[in-house]
N, C-alpha and C. Protein backbone atom coordinates (compact mmCIF):
# COMPACT_ATOMS: atom_id res chain seq x y z
N MET A 1 75.77 237.47 77.06
CA MET A 1 75.61 236.61 76.17
C MET A 1 76.61 235.64 76.27
N ARG A 2 75.86 234.61 75.84
CA ARG A 2 76.63 232.98 75.86
C ARG A 2 77.68 233.14 74.70
N ASN A 3 78.95 231.86 74.94
CA ASN A 3 79.79 231.71 74.14
C ASN A 3 79.74 230.41 73.32
N HIS A 4 79.92 230.20 71.91
CA HIS A 4 79.85 228.56 71.53
C HIS A 4 81.05 228.79 70.67
N THR A 5 81.63 227.60 71.02
CA THR A 5 82.41 226.94 70.53
C THR A 5 82.49 225.66 69.48
N ILE A 6 83.13 226.26 67.85
CA ILE A 6 82.76 225.02 66.84
C ILE A 6 84.57 224.48 66.18
N LYS A 7 84.51 223.54 65.83
CA LYS A 7 85.58 222.95 65.47
C LYS A 7 85.57 222.65 64.25
N PHE A 8 86.11 222.54 62.95
CA PHE A 8 86.40 222.23 61.90
C PHE A 8 87.63 221.94 61.26
N LYS A 9 87.57 220.53 60.66
CA LYS A 9 88.98 220.70 59.90
C LYS A 9 88.99 221.22 58.28
N GLN A 10 89.55 222.02 58.09
CA GLN A 10 90.07 223.07 56.73
C GLN A 10 90.77 221.80 55.91
N GLU A 11 90.56 221.90 54.86
CA GLU A 11 91.70 220.75 54.63
C GLU A 11 92.32 221.79 53.53
N ASN A 12 92.29 222.94 53.22
CA ASN A 12 93.01 223.15 52.22
C ASN A 12 93.78 224.50 53.36
N ILE A 13 94.14 224.36 54.51
CA ILE A 13 95.53 224.77 54.70
C ILE A 13 96.65 223.61 54.92
N LEU A 14 97.41 224.61 53.85
CA LEU A 14 98.73 223.96 53.20
C LEU A 14 100.38 224.41 53.52
N CYS A 15 99.96 225.59 53.84
CA CYS A 15 101.46 226.26 54.11
C CYS A 15 101.34 227.42 55.37
N HIS A 16 102.35 228.01 55.68
CA HIS A 16 101.92 229.28 56.69
C HIS A 16 101.47 230.14 56.34
N ARG A 17 101.31 230.20 54.97
CA ARG A 17 100.53 231.62 54.34
C ARG A 17 99.11 231.36 54.61
N CYS A 18 98.46 230.48 54.53
CA CYS A 18 97.32 229.92 54.38
C CYS A 18 96.75 229.95 55.95
N VAL A 19 97.51 229.42 56.85
CA VAL A 19 97.22 229.91 58.01
C VAL A 19 97.57 231.14 58.45
N ILE A 20 98.22 232.23 57.95
CA ILE A 20 98.17 233.67 58.19
C ILE A 20 96.78 234.47 57.56
N ASN A 21 96.36 234.31 56.21
CA ASN A 21 94.97 234.82 56.05
C ASN A 21 93.77 233.70 56.80
N ALA A 22 93.81 232.93 57.33
CA ALA A 22 92.85 232.05 58.09
C ALA A 22 93.00 233.37 59.22
N VAL A 23 94.47 233.23 60.40
CA VAL A 23 94.46 234.52 61.02
C VAL A 23 93.77 235.78 60.63
N LYS A 24 93.84 236.44 59.45
CA LYS A 24 93.56 237.40 59.52
C LYS A 24 91.61 237.34 59.33
N ALA A 25 91.40 236.68 58.12
CA ALA A 25 89.69 236.49 58.28
C ALA A 25 89.07 236.31 60.10
N LEU A 26 89.93 235.23 60.34
CA LEU A 26 89.27 235.16 61.72
C LEU A 26 88.97 236.24 62.48
N SER A 27 90.02 237.19 62.27
CA SER A 27 89.97 238.49 63.17
C SER A 27 89.47 239.71 62.83
N GLN A 28 89.23 239.33 61.83
CA GLN A 28 87.92 240.32 61.32
C GLN A 28 86.85 240.28 61.67
N ILE A 29 86.51 239.26 61.86
CA ILE A 29 85.19 238.71 62.25
C ILE A 29 84.61 239.38 63.56
N LYS A 30 83.45 239.87 64.03
CA LYS A 30 82.98 240.75 64.89
C LYS A 30 83.11 240.35 66.10
N TYR A 31 82.57 238.95 66.16
CA TYR A 31 81.77 238.44 67.50
C TYR A 31 83.08 237.28 68.04
N VAL A 32 83.97 237.03 66.77
CA VAL A 32 84.86 235.83 67.20
C VAL A 32 85.71 236.29 68.58
N GLN A 33 85.56 235.31 69.37
CA GLN A 33 86.14 236.29 70.78
C GLN A 33 87.85 235.58 71.28
N GLY A 34 88.07 234.11 70.48
CA GLY A 34 89.02 233.34 70.12
C GLY A 34 89.29 232.69 69.11
N PHE A 35 90.59 231.64 68.93
CA PHE A 35 90.79 230.79 67.91
C PHE A 35 91.66 229.96 67.62
N ASN A 36 92.22 228.90 67.25
CA ASN A 36 93.55 228.21 66.99
C ASN A 36 93.28 227.58 65.37
N VAL A 37 94.39 228.00 65.29
CA VAL A 37 94.66 227.26 63.28
C VAL A 37 95.53 226.03 63.59
N ASP A 38 95.17 224.99 63.64
CA ASP A 38 96.86 224.30 63.57
C ASP A 38 96.93 223.71 62.58
N ILE A 39 98.31 223.73 62.05
CA ILE A 39 98.23 223.59 60.78
C ILE A 39 98.60 222.17 60.39
N ASP A 40 99.31 221.55 61.37
CA ASP A 40 99.70 219.99 61.31
C ASP A 40 98.46 219.63 61.07
N SER A 41 97.20 219.72 62.32
CA SER A 41 95.88 218.57 61.88
C SER A 41 94.98 219.25 61.14
N LYS A 42 94.93 220.67 60.92
CA LYS A 42 94.25 221.33 59.58
C LYS A 42 93.04 221.74 60.79
N ILE A 43 92.90 221.75 61.56
CA ILE A 43 92.06 222.42 62.71
C ILE A 43 92.07 223.01 63.19
N ILE A 44 90.58 223.84 62.81
CA ILE A 44 90.58 225.23 63.16
C ILE A 44 89.33 225.11 64.38
N GLN A 45 89.78 225.62 65.37
CA GLN A 45 88.78 226.11 66.48
C GLN A 45 88.18 227.55 66.95
N VAL A 46 87.15 227.78 67.02
CA VAL A 46 86.66 229.06 67.17
C VAL A 46 85.28 229.23 68.15
N ILE A 47 86.01 230.09 69.08
CA ILE A 47 84.93 230.65 69.91
C ILE A 47 84.77 232.02 69.75
N TYR A 48 82.81 232.16 69.09
CA TYR A 48 82.23 233.04 68.98
C TYR A 48 81.15 233.65 70.16
N GLU A 49 80.92 234.66 70.22
CA GLU A 49 79.79 234.83 71.08
C GLU A 49 78.23 235.30 70.50
N GLY A 50 77.24 235.35 70.98
CA GLY A 50 75.96 235.32 70.83
C GLY A 50 75.53 234.14 69.40
N ASN A 51 74.27 234.64 68.69
CA ASN A 51 74.05 233.74 68.29
C ASN A 51 73.76 234.24 66.52
N ARG A 52 74.80 235.34 66.66
CA ARG A 52 74.80 235.88 64.62
C ARG A 52 75.45 234.75 63.71
N MET A 53 76.33 234.06 64.72
CA MET A 53 77.54 233.47 63.68
C MET A 53 77.03 231.91 63.44
N SER A 54 77.79 231.22 62.59
CA SER A 54 77.40 229.87 62.54
C SER A 54 78.71 229.32 61.87
N LYS A 55 78.66 228.01 61.99
CA LYS A 55 79.87 227.38 61.46
C LYS A 55 80.38 227.54 59.88
N GLU A 56 79.27 227.64 59.14
CA GLU A 56 78.96 228.01 57.80
C GLU A 56 79.46 229.20 57.37
N ILE A 57 79.32 230.24 57.92
CA ILE A 57 79.80 231.87 57.84
C ILE A 57 81.03 231.78 58.28
N ILE A 58 81.48 231.43 59.09
CA ILE A 58 83.00 231.12 59.66
C ILE A 58 83.37 230.82 58.19
N ARG A 59 83.64 229.52 58.41
CA ARG A 59 83.87 228.51 57.28
C ARG A 59 84.57 229.33 56.34
N GLU A 60 83.33 229.54 55.62
CA GLU A 60 83.47 230.56 54.69
C GLU A 60 84.44 231.38 54.22
N ALA A 61 84.20 232.46 54.97
CA ALA A 61 84.83 233.27 55.63
C ALA A 61 86.22 232.99 55.62
N VAL A 62 86.97 232.03 56.00
CA VAL A 62 88.05 231.13 56.16
C VAL A 62 88.65 230.85 54.92
N ASN A 63 87.62 230.06 53.75
CA ASN A 63 87.86 229.33 53.39
C ASN A 63 88.36 230.24 52.15
N TYR A 64 87.39 231.39 51.66
CA TYR A 64 87.43 232.76 50.75
C TYR A 64 88.91 232.92 51.18
N SER A 65 89.74 233.74 52.43
CA SER A 65 90.49 233.95 52.50
C SER A 65 91.96 232.91 52.11
N ILE A 66 92.08 232.23 52.40
CA ILE A 66 93.40 231.15 52.26
C ILE A 66 93.07 231.31 50.65
N ILE A 67 91.95 231.15 49.95
CA ILE A 67 92.02 231.09 48.47
C ILE A 67 92.43 232.08 48.01
N SER A 68 92.17 233.23 48.09
CA SER A 68 91.97 234.38 47.41
C SER A 68 93.11 235.11 48.15
N GLY A 69 93.48 235.24 49.22
CA GLY A 69 94.68 235.85 50.32
C GLY A 69 94.13 237.30 50.70
N LYS A 70 92.27 237.44 50.31
CA LYS A 70 91.86 238.45 51.16
C LYS A 70 90.89 238.51 52.06
N THR A 71 90.53 239.17 52.57
CA THR A 71 89.29 239.17 53.62
C THR A 71 88.27 239.22 52.68
N LYS A 72 87.30 238.39 53.95
CA LYS A 72 85.53 238.62 53.10
C LYS A 72 84.64 239.28 54.28
N LEU A 73 84.48 240.62 53.47
CA LEU A 73 83.03 241.49 54.93
C LEU A 73 82.24 240.39 54.89
N ILE A 74 81.83 240.45 56.19
CA ILE A 74 80.67 239.44 56.09
C ILE A 74 79.45 240.44 57.28
N SER A 75 78.29 239.96 56.19
CA SER A 75 77.10 241.00 56.81
C SER A 75 76.56 240.05 57.99
N TYR A 76 75.98 241.34 59.08
CA TYR A 76 75.72 240.00 60.28
C TYR A 76 73.60 240.40 60.15
């Protein structure tokens, strides 16, 4: 399967707890192969496998985690 890379700015990354929540969320997504969360630039880069993911799904999971402190289950 082919890997895809997306990059997006996540404005609500304000502290290290936000980074931890984003990392937890990204770690729980089945097809994510790797990621980088930069607190200074607020940029998240994600490498994922296949066509079942989208930028919107990943961004929604990260945003939910940052706001609530919980990870969101994603249906594939």
